[in-house]
Amino acid sequence: PGKNGVPVAENFRLEQSTIADTIQAGQVRVRTLYLSVDPYMRCRMNEDTGSDYLLPWQLSEVADGGGIGVVEESKHDNLAKGDFVTSFSWPWQTVAILDGSLLQKLVPQLVNGHLSYFLGAAGMTGLTALLGVREKGHVAVGANQTMVVSGAAGACGSLAGQIGRLEGCSRVVGIAGTDEKCSVLVQEMGFDAAVNYKKGNVAEQLRELCPGGVDVYFDNVGGDISDTVISQMNQNSHIILCGQISQYNKDVPYPPPLPPDIEKIQKERNITRERFLVLNYMDKQEASILQLCQWIQEGKLKVRETVVEGLANIGAAFQSMMNGGNIGKQIVSVSK
């Protein structure tokens, strides 16, 4: 699509090929079950991803990302046929031969058998939401804090709002793009209210729904919506800078600079806005995943997925996700 282009399904193509009949010591042959489609992947469509931890996808090479599969043959000591495994760099193919040492074994019982949750609520997405709230949100029980979440019906936002409440926020308000999404946030996810940014005046609605101002802002989108929220934030409040999807199709630095008037508000009110990377908190990964799984098992964390069937449709799924067309995590189910 180019640095300033909008990705479409036609940016991807499906090819048929064969893989080796035999595997080497330390390898496993896996059958792919689920693949994750995420906004950050847009950055991987540029020659320069803008970050040192993300490698660009190469033209005419197999794309990769978060994936889950089942082991069909193993020559790795710790993995056996039938084990469910995951990787953050899983190739977008139906069957693959992978280095067993790069795979993590999964325990389906931790997520009540919903294996795909390990790509979302009990995976990197859930970690991003939980660690974002805990490390950058400064949420405290009994502090009567109001949290606003943009991109609230997306994979991360829908979890972040619920986690904000579980961690102690007294009021959680979401911003989303359709009435259906707003309804899901309030009726299913336990948000106190939700604003459809495509209807009415967002600033006025936020003032009405957050009469005491905003203390914590979980920012998934950037752009005009974020400027509107920041203008209503309180003294010494906190922005959790998770994503800026409104800016991903533009050639701008990350995080994008704020307009001068909004930057002035941020500085005058001492609002924190620091880049947030889950990779900086890997020492807390295991305990955080267990916490997320516990909340899922207890029914305290509601999970929504938009599932697309078939590897051939992953390009269309990516296009839909980038256009904000899904609720919750975008998953592609590969194997029948």
Foldseek 3Di string as FASTA:
>chain_A
DPLQDAAFLVVDDDDDDDDDPDADAQKFKWFWFKAFFDLLLLLLCDCHSQDPVDHHDDPPDFAFAKTKTFTCCDNRPVHDGGWIWIAGGHTLDRMDMDRNVRIDTDDCVLQPNPVCCCVACLHPLVLLLQCLCVVFQPAAAPPQAEEEEELLQERNNLQNQLNSVVRHHPAYEYEAADPVSQCCSVVPSPHPGYHRVVDDDPLVVCCVRCVVFHQEYEDAADDPVVLSNLVRHAAAGEYRCRHHLVPRSHPARPPHDDPPVSVVSCVVSVYDDDHDDSVVVVVCSVVSSSVSSVCSVVVSGDADEDEAEASRCVSNLNSCVSVRNDGHTYMYGHDD
